[in-house]
Amino acid sequence: MSKTLRILVVDDSAGVRKGIRNILNSGSEEWTICGDLEDGEELVARAGESKPDVILLDLSVARLSGLGLIKTLNEMLPHVAIIVMSDQEPSVLRYLTESLALHYCVSKSRLATDLVPQLEAISRSKKSQ
């Protein structure tokens, strides 16, 4: 039996979290949402409890947002893939991805088209480990 990815969604907008749930609940058995949180402090305090394989993180989430939060998460949960979401221009996203050694970054305006392929890539990678 294949392992289902556990995804923790972190965004301070309830509307964005609902939209992500709609995208991810489109019938795939590859993943399940193990929780959603609205700020960085809550994420640091509770991320381990959810046992996520993937954290879908808004770069500008309330309280503890940004680069420092990503570094903290990488130290706390080195086995967890982080997909950063942002409203930034694609060139800024590429820079952030490279400077933080992130493997996954997606523009919020392209979540509907780009999120599922990134999750499928993570799923394939984790299955081959």
C-alpha atoms as a PDB file:
ATOM      1  CA  MET A   1       0.000   0.000   0.000  1.00  0.00           C
ATOM      2  CA  SER A   2       1.371   3.434  -0.894  1.00  0.00           C
ATOM      3  CA  LYS A   3       1.926   6.102   1.703  1.00  0.00           C
ATOM      4  CA  THR A   4      -0.470   9.033   1.703  1.00  0.00           C
ATOM      5  CA  LEU A   5       1.143  12.461   2.051  1.00  0.00           C
ATOM      6  CA  ARG A   6       0.002  14.380   5.101  1.00  0.00           C
ATOM      7  CA  ILE A   7      -0.293  18.096   4.275  1.00  0.00           C
ATOM      8  CA  LEU A   8      -0.421  20.917   6.807  1.00  0.00           C
ATOM      9  CA  VAL A   9      -1.817  24.155   5.322  1.00  0.00           C
ATOM     10  CA  VAL A  10      -0.674  27.452   6.864  1.00  0.00           C
ATOM     11  CA  ASP A  11      -2.196  30.746   5.698  1.00  0.00           C
ATOM     12  CA  ASP A  12      -3.766  33.609   7.619  1.00  0.00           C
ATOM     13  CA  SER A  13      -6.644  33.859   5.137  1.00  0.00           C
ATOM     14  CA  ALA A  14      -9.553  31.511   5.787  1.00  0.00           C
ATOM     15  CA  GLY A  15     -10.583  31.968   2.145  1.00  0.00           C
ATOM     16  CA  VAL A  16      -7.189  30.816   0.868  1.00  0.00           C
ATOM     17  CA  ARG A  17      -7.215  27.809   3.196  1.00  0.00           C
ATOM     18  CA  LYS A  18     -10.705  26.889   1.954  1.00  0.00           C
ATOM     19  CA  GLY A  19      -9.581  27.257  -1.662  1.00  0.00           C
ATOM     20  CA  ILE A  20      -6.596  25.003  -1.031  1.00  0.00           C
ATOM     21  CA  ARG A  21      -8.858  22.417   0.586  1.00  0.00           C
ATOM     22  CA  ASN A  22     -11.071  22.516  -2.520  1.00  0.00           C
ATOM     23  CA  ILE A  23      -8.042  22.013  -4.797  1.00  0.00           C
ATOM     24  CA  LEU A  24      -6.648  19.182  -2.694  1.00  0.00           C
ATOM     25  CA  ASN A  25      -9.935  17.408  -2.063  1.00  0.00           C
ATOM     26  CA  SER A  26     -10.420  16.856  -5.774  1.00  0.00           C
ATOM     27  CA  GLY A  27     -10.496  13.102  -5.367  1.00  0.00           C
ATOM     28  CA  SER A  28      -6.808  12.215  -5.111  1.00  0.00           C
ATOM     29  CA  GLU A  29      -5.886   9.491  -2.660  1.00  0.00           C
ATOM     30  CA  GLU A  30      -2.229  10.585  -2.804  1.00  0.00           C
ATOM     31  CA  TRP A  31      -2.637  13.038   0.076  1.00  0.00           C
ATOM     32  CA  THR A  32      -4.731  14.154   2.995  1.00  0.00           C
ATOM     33  CA  ILE A  33      -4.908  17.467   4.849  1.00  0.00           C
ATOM     34  CA  CYS A  34      -3.785  16.824   8.419  1.00  0.00           C
ATOM     35  CA  GLY A  35      -4.581  20.350   9.593  1.00  0.00           C
ATOM     36  CA  ASP A  36      -4.678  24.024   8.827  1.00  0.00           C
ATOM     37  CA  LEU A  37      -3.243  26.863  10.834  1.00  0.00           C
ATOM     38  CA  GLU A  38      -3.429  30.622  10.512  1.00  0.00           C
ATOM     39  CA  ASP A  39      -0.152  31.969  11.904  1.00  0.00           C
ATOM     40  CA  GLY A  40       3.539  31.266  12.321  1.00  0.00           C
ATOM     41  CA  GLU A  41       3.536  30.987  16.111  1.00  0.00           C
ATOM     42  CA  GLU A  42       0.818  28.351  15.981  1.00  0.00           C
ATOM     43  CA  LEU A  43       2.789  26.516  13.304  1.00  0.00           C
ATOM     44  CA  VAL A  44       5.972  26.381  15.379  1.00  0.00           C
ATOM     45  CA  ALA A  45       4.017  25.252  18.438  1.00  0.00           C
ATOM     46  CA  ARG A  46       1.908  22.583  16.707  1.00  0.00           C
ATOM     47  CA  ALA A  47       3.686  21.428  13.533  1.00  0.00           C
ATOM     48  CA  GLY A  48       5.137  18.322  15.153  1.00  0.00           C
ATOM     49  CA  GLU A  49       1.739  17.231  16.488  1.00  0.00           C
ATOM     50  CA  SER A  50       0.267  16.986  12.998  1.00  0.00           C
ATOM     51  CA  LYS A  51       3.136  14.812  11.719  1.00  0.00           C
ATOM     52  CA  PRO A  52       3.055  16.402   8.255  1.00  0.00           C
ATOM     53  CA  ASP A  53       5.047  15.213   5.263  1.00  0.00           C
ATOM     54  CA  VAL A  54       4.460  18.576   3.581  1.00  0.00           C
ATOM     55  CA  ILE A  55       3.866  22.073   4.949  1.00  0.00           C
ATOM     56  CA  LEU A  56       2.125  24.397   2.522  1.00  0.00           C
ATOM     57  CA  LEU A  57       3.242  27.761   3.900  1.00  0.00           C
ATOM     58  CA  ASP A  58       2.238  31.308   3.036  1.00  0.00           C
ATOM     59  CA  LEU A  59       5.488  33.292   3.006  1.00  0.00           C
ATOM     60  CA  SER A  60       3.789  36.245   4.671  1.00  0.00           C
ATOM     61  CA  VAL A  61       1.674  34.331   7.186  1.00  0.00           C
ATOM     62  CA  ALA A  62       0.864  36.330  10.317  1.00  0.00           C
ATOM     63  CA  ARG A  63       3.237  36.268  13.303  1.00  0.00           C
ATOM     64  CA  LEU A  64       6.653  34.725  12.630  1.00  0.00           C
ATOM     65  CA  SER A  65       6.419  34.959   8.866  1.00  0.00           C
ATOM     66  CA  GLY A  66       9.168  34.891   6.306  1.00  0.00           C
ATOM     67  CA  LEU A  67      12.642  33.546   5.964  1.00  0.00           C
ATOM     68  CA  GLY A  68      13.304  33.054   9.684  1.00  0.00           C
ATOM     69  CA  LEU A  69      10.223  30.859   9.998  1.00  0.00           C
ATOM     70  CA  ILE A  70      11.377  28.668   7.105  1.00  0.00           C
ATOM     71  CA  LYS A  71      14.810  28.258   8.658  1.00  0.00           C
ATOM     72  CA  THR A  72      13.223  27.332  12.001  1.00  0.00           C
ATOM     73  CA  LEU A  73      10.984  24.752  10.321  1.00  0.00           C
ATOM     74  CA  ASN A  74      13.924  23.243   8.442  1.00  0.00           C
ATOM     75  CA  GLU A  75      15.747  22.804  11.757  1.00  0.00           C
ATOM     76  CA  MET A  76      12.700  21.456  13.632  1.00  0.00           C
ATOM     77  CA  LEU A  77      11.379  19.176  10.903  1.00  0.00           C
ATOM     78  CA  PRO A  78      14.184  18.428   8.435  1.00  0.00           C
ATOM     79  CA  HIS A  79      12.271  15.531   6.850  1.00  0.00           C
ATOM     80  CA  VAL A  80       9.249  17.700   5.980  1.00  0.00           C
ATOM     81  CA  ALA A  81       8.956  19.232   2.506  1.00  0.00           C
ATOM     82  CA  ILE A  82       7.964  22.908   2.550  1.00  0.00           C
ATOM     83  CA  ILE A  83       6.033  24.443  -0.319  1.00  0.00           C
ATOM     84  CA  VAL A  84       6.154  28.209  -0.016  1.00  0.00           C
ATOM     85  CA  MET A  85       3.188  30.161  -1.378  1.00  0.00           C
ATOM     86  CA  SER A  86       3.508  33.832  -2.162  1.00  0.00           C
ATOM     87  CA  ASP A  87       1.999  36.710  -4.103  1.00  0.00           C
ATOM     88  CA  GLN A  88       5.523  37.761  -5.141  1.00  0.00           C
ATOM     89  CA  GLU A  89       6.605  38.025  -8.770  1.00  0.00           C
ATOM     90  CA  PRO A  90       8.059  34.822 -10.302  1.00  0.00           C
ATOM     91  CA  SER A  91      11.595  36.271 -10.280  1.00  0.00           C
ATOM     92  CA  VAL A  92      11.330  36.936  -6.532  1.00  0.00           C
ATOM     93  CA  LEU A  93      10.011  33.409  -5.955  1.00  0.00           C
ATOM     94  CA  ARG A  94      12.961  31.955  -7.897  1.00  0.00           C
ATOM     95  CA  TYR A  95      15.387  34.024  -5.813  1.00  0.00           C
ATOM     96  CA  LEU A  96      13.761  32.908  -2.563  1.00  0.00           C
ATOM     97  CA  THR A  97      13.783  29.293  -3.668  1.00  0.00           C
ATOM     98  CA  GLU A  98      17.477  29.439  -4.529  1.00  0.00           C
ATOM     99  CA  SER A  99      18.576  31.464  -1.498  1.00  0.00           C
ATOM    100  CA  LEU A 100      16.756  29.189   0.965  1.00  0.00           C
ATOM    101  CA  ALA A 101      17.518  25.975  -0.910  1.00  0.00           C
ATOM    102  CA  LEU A 102      13.782  25.327  -1.152  1.00  0.00           C
ATOM    103  CA  HIS A 103      12.628  22.693  -3.567  1.00  0.00           C
ATOM    104  CA  TYR A 104       9.095  23.933  -3.945  1.00  0.00           C
ATOM    105  CA  CYS A 105       7.594  27.385  -4.364  1.00  0.00           C
ATOM    106  CA  VAL A 106       4.290  28.401  -5.931  1.00  0.00           C
ATOM    107  CA  SER A 107       2.627  31.676  -6.762  1.00  0.00           C
ATOM    108  CA  LYS A 108      -0.758  32.046  -5.083  1.00  0.00           C
ATOM    109  CA  SER A 109      -2.191  33.148  -8.421  1.00  0.00           C
ATOM    110  CA  ARG A 110      -1.194  29.744  -9.856  1.00  0.00           C
ATOM    111  CA  LEU A 111      -2.212  27.437  -6.998  1.00  0.00           C
ATOM    112  CA  ALA A 112      -4.982  25.827  -9.040  1.00  0.00           C
ATOM    113  CA  THR A 113      -2.547  24.766 -11.774  1.00  0.00           C
ATOM    114  CA  ASP A 114       0.840  24.410 -10.044  1.00  0.00           C
ATOM    115  CA  LEU A 115       0.109  22.974  -6.592  1.00  0.00           C
ATOM    116  CA  VAL A 116      -1.017  19.472  -7.556  1.00  0.00           C
ATOM    117  CA  PRO A 117       2.017  18.798  -9.821  1.00  0.00           C
ATOM    118  CA  GLN A 118       4.345  19.854  -6.996  1.00  0.00           C
ATOM    119  CA  LEU A 119       2.587  17.536  -4.551  1.00  0.00           C
ATOM    120  CA  GLU A 120       2.754  14.697  -7.063  1.00  0.00           C
ATOM    121  CA  ALA A 121       6.528  15.277  -7.400  1.00  0.00           C
ATOM    122  CA  ILE A 122       6.933  15.184  -3.616  1.00  0.00           C
ATOM    123  CA  SER A 123       4.830  12.023  -3.432  1.00  0.00           C
ATOM    124  CA  ARG A 124       7.000  10.292  -6.050  1.00  0.00           C
ATOM    125  CA  SER A 125      10.148  11.397  -4.246  1.00  0.00           C
ATOM    126  CA  LYS A 126       8.966  10.126  -0.861  1.00  0.00           C
ATOM    127  CA  LYS A 127       7.845   6.789  -2.328  1.00  0.00           C
ATOM    128  CA  SER A 128      11.292   6.223  -3.811  1.00  0.00           C
ATOM    129  CA  GLN A 129      13.031   6.804  -0.459  1.00  0.00           C
END
